């Protein structure tokens, strides 16, 4: 992996991330972190697109100071408004009112702000329904006082949630989280599924958080379900809703913390007031560069290349798992979106439904896959999966699978 001390070193301070502790243990046991292929987090530490980096050198003087708008650097807010409207096809009649602001400290912070907004409207302890397996929504919402309850996304339904099942859990729920380009399974929830979930939430006056992190990351020829347009088509007099879409996933710049917040204008105003309690606008030179980059035709060329890379990597990893490591076909879910591929842990390595022993064995072989779910509740369902990030060059992924095969970490 990239020079570990550059991204992992916390000195004498405790590290909060389990992966960092695992890697530190690996090094103390004699492992070589420089040779480790890190597949857990959606990160490779490769350089962002050259055009985006070059735009940083052309930032106007005013972008280095404060902005007096709480919705992000005005240039980026305007560009993102056009970009979200175009890429989500938010034109024509029949759509609810919306506007777009900049998420300036990562979409995780924006989710937390929205959680505060929803919690303030709730009576008693608010309940949030989140997909399981899924991302670490509990890590955002539980510290705010939410009781986080999972709704199932299962192989039996081709990794789609069941709207009728979710609807039965909605009475009394304050928040429903949707992740239609689903991390970690790579499944694209169908328009019918998303429509059913949105309608059920609005019927119960349940707020909706739409995590659109991977809307732009999909296999060429497999257009993603446009959940934001579906939501706006259903939003006559809706409860609060927020759609978050990071730019980091599609432009390899996760550390910039820049994305789009789409919501009703009143909701964006409330979110700005909450964010103002802790910060002024941040990363404004990065916002200025992103505004320039999004207007550059090369940004679309880069995105097309990235999609083709993920599709090629998805095919390669799937083929190698099936042919070289003897995984049965139903143990591998290639998916069509996100930057991840998920597969079952070979039964002989699954200890009481826990994937951690397998991850540690992989780490000994110089590979660290991710947990099958970041949702703590999913572990109670005895899931035995791991996920791999597909952002590395295909040759690196091939070498990774060679290591797993040579270490006897295949299915048989």
Protein backbone atom coordinates (compact mmCIF):
# COMPACT_ATOMS: atom_id res chain seq x y z
CA UNK A 1 0.00 0.00 0.00
CA UNK A 2 1.03 3.64 -0.21
CA UNK A 3 3.78 4.52 2.29
CA UNK A 4 1.94 3.54 5.49
CA UNK A 5 3.39 6.27 7.69
CA UNK A 6 1.94 8.87 5.31
CA UNK A 7 -1.64 7.75 5.93
CA UNK A 8 -1.68 5.60 9.08
CA UNK A 9 0.77 7.07 11.57
CA UNK A 10 -1.01 8.44 14.66
CA UNK A 11 2.08 8.51 16.83
CA UNK A 12 1.32 7.66 20.45
CA UNK A 13 -2.36 8.53 20.02
CA UNK A 14 -4.93 5.72 19.78
CA UNK A 15 -6.27 5.01 16.30
CA UNK A 16 -10.03 4.73 16.01
CA UNK A 17 -10.02 2.69 12.80
CA UNK A 18 -9.94 -1.10 13.09
CA UNK A 19 -8.04 -1.48 9.81
CA UNK A 20 -5.24 0.76 11.05
CA UNK A 21 -4.91 -1.34 14.18
CA UNK A 22 -4.87 -4.54 12.11
CA UNK A 23 -2.11 -3.22 9.88
CA UNK A 24 -0.10 -2.05 12.90
CA UNK A 25 -0.39 -5.56 14.38
CA UNK A 26 0.67 -7.01 11.03
CA UNK A 27 3.80 -4.86 10.97
CA UNK A 28 4.68 -5.70 14.57
CA UNK A 29 4.44 -9.38 13.65
CA UNK A 30 6.98 -8.88 10.88
CA UNK A 31 4.66 -8.11 7.97
CA UNK A 32 5.65 -5.65 5.24
CA UNK A 33 3.06 -2.89 5.01
CA UNK A 34 4.69 -1.51 1.86
CA UNK A 35 3.85 -4.77 0.07
CA UNK A 36 0.34 -5.00 1.48
CA UNK A 37 -2.53 -4.72 -1.02
CA UNK A 38 -5.20 -2.78 0.84
CA UNK A 39 -8.68 -3.57 -0.49
CA UNK A 40 -10.83 -2.60 2.48
CA UNK A 41 -11.44 1.14 2.25
CA UNK A 42 -12.43 2.64 -1.09
CA UNK A 43 -9.04 4.26 -1.52
CA UNK A 44 -5.82 3.68 -3.46
CA UNK A 45 -4.05 7.03 -2.86
CA UNK A 46 -3.51 7.46 -6.58
CA UNK A 47 -3.27 10.95 -8.03
CA UNK A 48 -6.57 12.63 -8.99
CA UNK A 49 -7.16 13.46 -12.67
CA UNK A 50 -4.44 15.79 -14.01
CA UNK A 51 -6.99 18.39 -15.07
CA UNK A 52 -8.40 18.58 -11.56
CA UNK A 53 -4.94 18.93 -10.04
CA UNK A 54 -4.02 21.58 -12.62
CA UNK A 55 -7.13 23.57 -11.73
CA UNK A 56 -5.72 24.02 -8.23
CA UNK A 57 -2.94 26.13 -9.72
CA UNK A 58 -5.45 28.53 -11.26
CA UNK A 59 -7.52 29.31 -8.17
CA UNK A 60 -8.57 32.95 -7.83
CA UNK A 61 -7.30 34.94 -4.85
CA UNK A 62 -10.71 35.25 -3.20
CA UNK A 63 -11.01 31.45 -2.89
CA UNK A 64 -8.26 31.47 -0.25
CA UNK A 65 -10.36 33.52 2.16
CA UNK A 66 -13.70 33.16 3.89
CA UNK A 67 -16.91 32.93 1.94
CA UNK A 68 -19.91 34.84 3.23
CA UNK A 69 -22.30 32.30 1.74
CA UNK A 70 -23.05 29.34 4.04
CA UNK A 71 -23.85 27.09 1.06
CA UNK A 72 -20.32 26.71 -0.28
CA UNK A 73 -18.20 28.70 -2.68
CA UNK A 74 -20.75 30.40 -4.97
CA UNK A 75 -18.97 29.27 -8.14
CA UNK A 76 -19.14 25.61 -7.12
CA UNK A 77 -22.68 25.88 -5.80
CA UNK A 78 -23.82 27.19 -9.19
CA UNK A 79 -21.87 24.57 -11.13
CA UNK A 80 -23.11 21.74 -8.89
CA UNK A 81 -26.68 22.96 -9.31
CA UNK A 82 -26.36 22.60 -13.07
CA UNK A 83 -24.43 19.34 -12.77
CA UNK A 84 -26.95 17.65 -10.49
CA UNK A 85 -29.86 18.90 -12.59
CA UNK A 86 -28.25 17.54 -15.76
CA UNK A 87 -26.92 14.21 -14.52
CA UNK A 88 -30.13 13.37 -12.64
CA UNK A 89 -32.43 14.73 -15.38
CA UNK A 90 -34.25 17.07 -12.99
CA UNK A 91 -36.09 19.09 -15.59
CA UNK A 92 -39.67 19.09 -16.73
CA UNK A 93 -42.99 19.29 -14.89
CA UNK A 94 -44.10 17.28 -11.90
CA UNK A 95 -40.99 17.53 -9.75
CA UNK A 96 -40.89 18.96 -6.25
CA UNK A 97 -38.98 22.07 -5.25
CA UNK A 98 -35.23 21.62 -4.69
CA UNK A 99 -31.92 23.43 -4.61
CA UNK A 100 -28.29 22.37 -4.38
CA UNK A 101 -25.57 23.35 -1.91
CA UNK A 102 -21.98 22.21 -1.38
CA UNK A 103 -21.03 19.69 1.27
CA UNK A 104 -17.80 21.22 2.52
CA UNK A 105 -16.50 18.79 5.14
CA UNK A 106 -17.46 15.43 3.69
CA UNK A 107 -20.89 13.94 3.20
CA UNK A 108 -20.58 12.14 6.55
CA UNK A 109 -20.73 15.54 8.27
CA UNK A 110 -23.72 16.50 6.14
CA UNK A 111 -25.50 13.29 7.18
CA UNK A 112 -24.82 14.17 10.81
CA UNK A 113 -26.26 17.66 10.33
CA UNK A 114 -29.37 16.17 8.74
CA UNK A 115 -29.63 13.71 11.61
CA UNK A 116 -29.66 16.65 14.02
CA UNK A 117 -32.42 18.29 11.99
CA UNK A 118 -34.53 15.11 12.05
CA UNK A 119 -33.87 14.45 15.73
CA UNK A 120 -35.05 17.96 16.66
CA UNK A 121 -38.44 17.18 15.10
CA UNK A 122 -38.83 13.76 16.73
CA UNK A 123 -40.66 12.91 19.93
CA UNK A 124 -38.86 10.47 22.18
CA UNK A 125 -35.84 8.56 20.96
CA UNK A 126 -35.83 8.72 17.15
CA UNK A 127 -35.55 5.51 15.12
CA UNK A 128 -33.53 5.29 11.90
CA UNK A 129 -33.96 2.43 9.43
CA UNK A 130 -30.76 1.61 7.53
CA UNK A 131 -29.86 -1.06 4.95
CA UNK A 132 -28.00 -4.14 6.19
CA UNK A 133 -25.52 -5.05 4.92
CA UNK A 134 -24.51 -1.46 4.50
CA UNK A 135 -22.31 1.51 5.22
CA UNK A 136 -21.59 2.89 8.70
CA UNK A 137 -24.77 4.93 9.11
CA UNK A 138 -24.93 3.86 12.76
CA UNK A 139 -21.60 5.56 13.37
CA UNK A 140 -23.20 8.84 12.33
CA UNK A 141 -26.67 8.46 13.83
CA UNK A 142 -26.23 6.62 17.12
CA UNK A 143 -24.11 9.39 18.71
CA UNK A 144 -27.00 11.76 17.91
CA UNK A 145 -29.36 9.61 19.97
CA UNK A 146 -30.96 7.53 17.22
CA UNK A 147 -31.89 3.90 17.68
CA UNK A 148 -30.59 2.36 14.46
CA UNK A 149 -32.51 -0.62 13.11
CA UNK A 150 -31.56 -2.57 10.00
CA UNK A 151 -33.76 -3.51 7.09
CA UNK A 152 -32.66 -6.54 5.13
CA UNK A 153 -30.97 -6.53 1.75
CA UNK A 154 -30.66 -10.21 0.91
CA UNK A 155 -29.27 -12.51 -1.76
CA UNK A 156 -32.70 -14.15 -2.07
CA UNK A 157 -33.98 -10.84 -3.50
CA UNK A 158 -30.84 -10.26 -5.59
CA UNK A 159 -29.63 -7.81 -2.94
CA UNK A 160 -32.75 -5.67 -3.16
CA UNK A 161 -34.76 -4.57 -0.13
CA UNK A 162 -38.46 -5.44 0.05
CA UNK A 163 -40.54 -2.23 0.19
CA UNK A 164 -43.49 -3.95 1.88
CA UNK A 165 -41.20 -5.32 4.58
CA UNK A 166 -39.64 -1.90 5.15
CA UNK A 167 -43.07 -0.29 5.21
CA UNK A 168 -44.09 -2.47 8.15
CA UNK A 169 -41.17 -1.02 10.12
CA UNK A 170 -41.90 2.61 9.25
CA UNK A 171 -44.62 3.49 11.80
CA UNK A 172 -42.82 5.49 14.45
CA UNK A 173 -39.56 5.71 12.49
CA UNK A 174 -38.06 9.17 12.12
CA UNK A 175 -35.61 8.47 9.29
CA UNK A 176 -35.22 6.05 6.37
CA UNK A 177 -31.78 5.77 4.75
CA UNK A 178 -31.61 4.73 1.10
CA UNK A 179 -28.46 3.64 -0.75
CA UNK A 180 -29.71 2.57 -4.19
CA UNK A 181 -26.25 2.01 -5.70
CA UNK A 182 -25.66 -0.28 -2.80
CA UNK A 183 -22.43 -0.44 -0.84
CA UNK A 184 -21.17 -3.14 -0.28
CA UNK A 185 -23.04 -5.47 -2.66
CA UNK A 186 -22.72 -3.43 -5.86
CA UNK A 187 -26.41 -4.04 -6.51
CA UNK A 188 -28.42 -1.32 -8.23
CA UNK A 189 -31.85 -1.21 -6.62
CA UNK A 190 -34.60 -1.22 -9.22
CA UNK A 191 -36.76 1.86 -9.91
CA UNK A 192 -39.79 -0.06 -8.63
CA UNK A 193 -38.00 -0.86 -5.37
CA UNK A 194 -36.89 2.73 -4.82
CA UNK A 195 -40.33 4.09 -5.70
CA UNK A 196 -41.94 1.72 -3.22
CA UNK A 197 -39.52 2.74 -0.46
CA UNK A 198 -39.95 6.48 -1.09
CA UNK A 199 -43.74 6.25 -1.22
CA UNK A 200 -43.86 4.24 1.99
CA UNK A 201 -41.62 6.75 3.76
CA UNK A 202 -43.65 9.74 2.62
CA UNK A 203 -46.93 8.04 3.55
CA UNK A 204 -45.62 7.65 7.10
CA UNK A 205 -44.09 11.16 7.16
CA UNK A 206 -40.66 9.61 7.65
CA UNK A 207 -37.66 11.72 6.66
CA UNK A 208 -35.45 10.30 3.89
CA UNK A 209 -31.66 10.39 3.61
CA UNK A 210 -30.60 9.40 0.09
CA UNK A 211 -26.96 8.32 -0.08
CA UNK A 212 -26.05 8.78 -3.74
CA UNK A 213 -22.31 8.26 -3.23
CA UNK A 214 -21.97 5.90 -6.19
CA UNK A 215 -24.57 7.29 -8.59
CA UNK A 216 -21.86 8.03 -11.16
CA UNK A 217 -19.93 4.78 -10.59
CA UNK A 218 -21.63 2.09 -12.66
CA UNK A 219 -20.89 -0.35 -15.43
CA UNK A 220 -21.08 1.27 -18.89
CA UNK A 221 -24.36 0.32 -20.50
CA UNK A 222 -26.04 -0.23 -17.11
CA UNK A 223 -27.48 3.18 -16.23
CA UNK A 224 -28.11 3.58 -12.50
CA UNK A 225 -31.51 3.94 -10.91
CA UNK A 226 -32.17 7.67 -10.62
CA UNK A 227 -33.44 7.71 -7.06
CA UNK A 228 -33.24 11.50 -6.73
CA UNK A 229 -35.61 12.03 -9.64
CA UNK A 230 -37.95 9.37 -8.23
CA UNK A 231 -37.91 11.14 -4.87
CA UNK A 232 -38.68 14.53 -6.42
CA UNK A 233 -41.50 13.04 -8.50
CA UNK A 234 -43.13 11.78 -5.30
CA UNK A 235 -42.49 14.89 -3.18
CA UNK A 236 -45.70 16.89 -3.17
CA UNK A 237 -45.72 17.78 0.53
CA UNK A 238 -42.90 15.57 1.77
CA UNK A 239 -41.25 15.26 5.14
CA UNK A 240 -37.64 16.50 5.24
CA UNK A 241 -35.34 14.77 2.80
CA UNK A 242 -31.70 15.12 1.78
CA UNK A 243 -29.67 13.62 -1.06
CA UNK A 244 -25.89 13.55 -0.65
CA UNK A 245 -23.51 12.88 -3.54
CA UNK A 246 -19.77 13.01 -3.02
CA UNK A 247 -17.45 14.00 -5.83
CA UNK A 248 -14.61 12.01 -4.26
CA UNK A 249 -15.75 8.60 -5.51
CA UNK A 250 -15.86 9.64 -9.15
CA UNK A 251 -12.73 11.80 -9.22
CA UNK A 252 -10.41 9.92 -6.80
CA UNK A 253 -10.23 12.81 -4.34
CA UNK A 254 -11.90 11.52 -1.18
CA UNK A 255 -9.70 13.72 0.98
CA UNK A 256 -11.16 16.87 -0.54
CA UNK A 257 -14.45 16.36 1.31
CA UNK A 258 -16.52 17.94 -1.47
CA UNK A 259 -19.95 16.88 -2.64
CA UNK A 260 -23.46 18.01 -3.48
CA UNK A 261 -26.37 18.42 -1.08
CA UNK A 262 -29.77 18.40 -2.75
CA UNK A 263 -32.90 19.16 -0.73
CA UNK A 264 -35.83 21.52 -0.40
CA UNK A 265 -34.50 25.08 -0.02
CA UNK A 266 -35.86 25.32 3.53
CA UNK A 267 -33.97 22.15 4.48
CA UNK A 268 -30.72 23.49 3.03
CA UNK A 269 -31.17 26.68 5.06
CA UNK A 270 -31.62 24.66 8.26
CA UNK A 271 -28.58 22.53 7.46
CA UNK A 272 -26.49 25.65 6.87
CA UNK A 273 -27.53 26.99 10.27
CA UNK A 274 -26.53 23.71 11.95
CA UNK A 275 -23.16 23.59 10.17
CA UNK A 276 -22.50 27.22 11.10
CA UNK A 277 -22.47 26.20 14.77
CA UNK A 278 -19.08 24.54 14.24
CA UNK A 279 -17.46 25.96 11.11
CA UNK A 280 -17.26 28.56 8.39
CA UNK A 281 -16.83 27.36 4.83
CA UNK A 282 -13.82 25.10 4.38
CA UNK A 283 -11.58 23.82 1.58
CA UNK A 284 -12.52 26.78 -0.61
CA UNK A 285 -9.50 26.49 -2.95
CA UNK A 286 -10.50 22.86 -3.53
CA UNK A 287 -14.06 23.97 -4.20
CA UNK A 288 -12.82 26.49 -6.76
CA UNK A 289 -10.79 23.82 -8.53
CA UNK A 290 -13.77 21.45 -8.55
CA UNK A 291 -15.97 24.16 -10.08
CA UNK A 292 -13.46 24.56 -12.90
CA UNK A 293 -13.03 20.82 -13.36
CA UNK A 294 -16.73 20.00 -13.59
CA UNK A 295 -17.00 22.40 -16.55
CA UNK A 296 -14.06 20.77 -18.33
CA UNK A 297 -15.11 18.12 -20.90
CA UNK A 298 -12.15 16.07 -19.69
CA UNK A 299 -14.05 15.38 -16.46
CA UNK A 300 -16.57 13.30 -18.42
CA UNK A 301 -13.76 11.52 -20.27
CA UNK A 302 -12.15 10.65 -16.94
CA UNK A 303 -15.43 9.36 -15.56
CA UNK A 304 -15.99 7.17 -18.61
CA UNK A 305 -12.49 5.70 -18.23
CA UNK A 306 -13.10 5.07 -14.54
CA UNK A 307 -16.34 3.21 -15.27
CA UNK A 308 -14.62 1.01 -17.82
CA UNK A 309 -11.81 0.30 -15.37
CA UNK A 310 -14.25 -0.84 -12.69
CA UNK A 311 -16.12 -2.99 -15.20
CA UNK A 312 -12.88 -4.65 -16.32
CA UNK A 313 -11.75 -5.14 -12.72
CA UNK A 314 -15.15 -6.58 -11.79
CA UNK A 315 -14.96 -9.13 -14.60
CA UNK A 316 -11.37 -10.06 -13.78
CA UNK A 317 -11.89 -10.56 -10.06
CA UNK A 318 -15.08 -12.53 -10.64
CA UNK A 319 -13.39 -14.79 -13.19
CA UNK A 320 -10.40 -15.43 -10.94
CA UNK A 321 -12.53 -16.18 -7.88
CA UNK A 322 -14.54 -18.71 -9.87
CA UNK A 323 -11.74 -20.28 -11.93
CA UNK A 324 -8.60 -19.99 -9.79
CA UNK A 325 -9.97 -20.03 -6.27
CA UNK A 326 -12.91 -22.41 -6.94
CA UNK A 327 -15.65 -20.20 -5.49
CA UNK A 328 -19.16 -21.33 -6.44
CA UNK A 329 -21.00 -18.84 -8.60
CA UNK A 330 -23.58 -18.05 -5.92
CA UNK A 331 -20.79 -17.07 -3.50
CA UNK A 332 -19.69 -14.15 -5.69
CA UNK A 333 -21.85 -11.13 -6.45
CA UNK A 334 -20.13 -9.02 -9.09
CA UNK A 335 -22.70 -6.22 -9.06
CA UNK A 336 -22.95 -3.40 -11.60
CA UNK A 337 -22.15 -0.31 -9.54
CA UNK A 338 -19.99 1.10 -6.72
CA UNK A 339 -16.26 0.41 -6.52
CA UNK A 340 -16.71 -2.86 -4.61
CA UNK A 341 -17.22 -6.55 -5.22
CA UNK A 342 -18.48 -8.76 -2.39
CA UNK A 343 -18.02 -12.50 -1.89
CA UNK A 344 -18.73 -15.10 0.77
CA UNK A 345 -16.04 -16.26 3.14
CA UNK A 346 -15.18 -19.93 2.49
CA UNK A 347 -17.11 -21.91 5.14
CA UNK A 348 -14.01 -23.43 6.71
CA UNK A 349 -12.77 -19.92 7.58
CA UNK A 350 -16.11 -18.59 8.87
CA UNK A 351 -15.93 -18.78 12.66
CA UNK A 352 -19.39 -18.33 14.21
CA UNK A 353 -20.42 -16.22 11.26
CA UNK A 354 -17.53 -13.79 11.73
CA UNK A 355 -15.39 -12.69 8.77
CA UNK A 356 -12.53 -11.35 10.90
CA UNK A 357 -10.54 -14.64 11.10
CA UNK A 358 -10.56 -14.82 7.30
CA UNK A 359 -9.50 -11.19 7.00
CA UNK A 360 -6.58 -11.87 9.34
CA UNK A 361 -5.54 -14.91 7.28
CA UNK A 362 -5.67 -12.77 4.15
CA UNK A 363 -3.60 -10.11 5.89
CA UNK A 364 -0.91 -12.69 6.62
CA UNK A 365 -0.83 -13.32 2.86
CA UNK A 366 -0.34 -9.60 2.17
CA UNK A 367 -3.96 -8.74 1.33
CA UNK A 368 -6.53 -6.93 3.46
CA UNK A 369 -10.13 -7.18 2.19
CA UNK A 370 -12.89 -5.20 3.84
CA UNK A 371 -15.58 -6.40 6.18
CA UNK A 372 -18.69 -7.66 4.46
CA UNK A 373 -20.71 -4.89 6.07
CA UNK A 374 -19.94 -1.73 8.00
CA UNK A 375 -23.35 -1.97 9.63
CA UNK A 376 -22.84 -3.44 13.09
CA UNK A 377 -26.37 -4.84 13.08
CA UNK A 378 -25.60 -6.96 10.04
CA UNK A 379 -23.07 -8.99 12.01
CA UNK A 380 -25.91 -10.24 14.19
CA UNK A 381 -27.29 -11.93 11.06
CA UNK A 382 -24.12 -14.06 10.87
CA UNK A 383 -23.05 -12.61 7.55
CA UNK A 384 -19.81 -14.13 6.33
CA UNK A 385 -18.71 -11.94 3.48
CA UNK A 386 -15.80 -9.71 2.62
CA UNK A 387 -15.62 -6.96 0.05
CA UNK A 388 -12.75 -5.83 -2.17
CA UNK A 389 -12.15 -2.37 -3.60
CA UNK A 390 -11.69 -2.49 -7.36
CA UNK A 391 -9.82 0.79 -7.76
CA UNK A 392 -6.35 -0.73 -8.05
CA UNK A 393 -4.84 -1.52 -11.46
CA UNK A 394 -6.08 -4.86 -12.78
CA UNK A 395 -2.54 -6.26 -12.63
CA UNK A 396 -2.45 -5.53 -8.89
CA UNK A 397 -5.82 -7.23 -8.42
CA UNK A 398 -4.52 -10.26 -10.33
CA UNK A 399 -1.48 -10.40 -8.04
CA UNK A 400 -3.78 -10.13 -5.04
CA UNK A 401 -5.79 -13.16 -6.13
CA UNK A 402 -2.57 -15.07 -6.76
CA UNK A 403 -1.60 -14.43 -3.14
CA UNK A 404 -4.95 -15.69 -1.86
CA UNK A 405 -4.71 -18.79 -4.04
CA UNK A 406 -1.12 -19.53 -3.03
CA UNK A 407 -2.01 -19.12 0.66
CA UNK A 408 -4.83 -21.67 0.38
CA UNK A 409 -7.53 -19.08 0.96
CA UNK A 410 -9.80 -20.19 -1.87
CA UNK A 411 -13.09 -22.04 -1.46
CA UNK A 412 -11.68 -25.58 -1.18
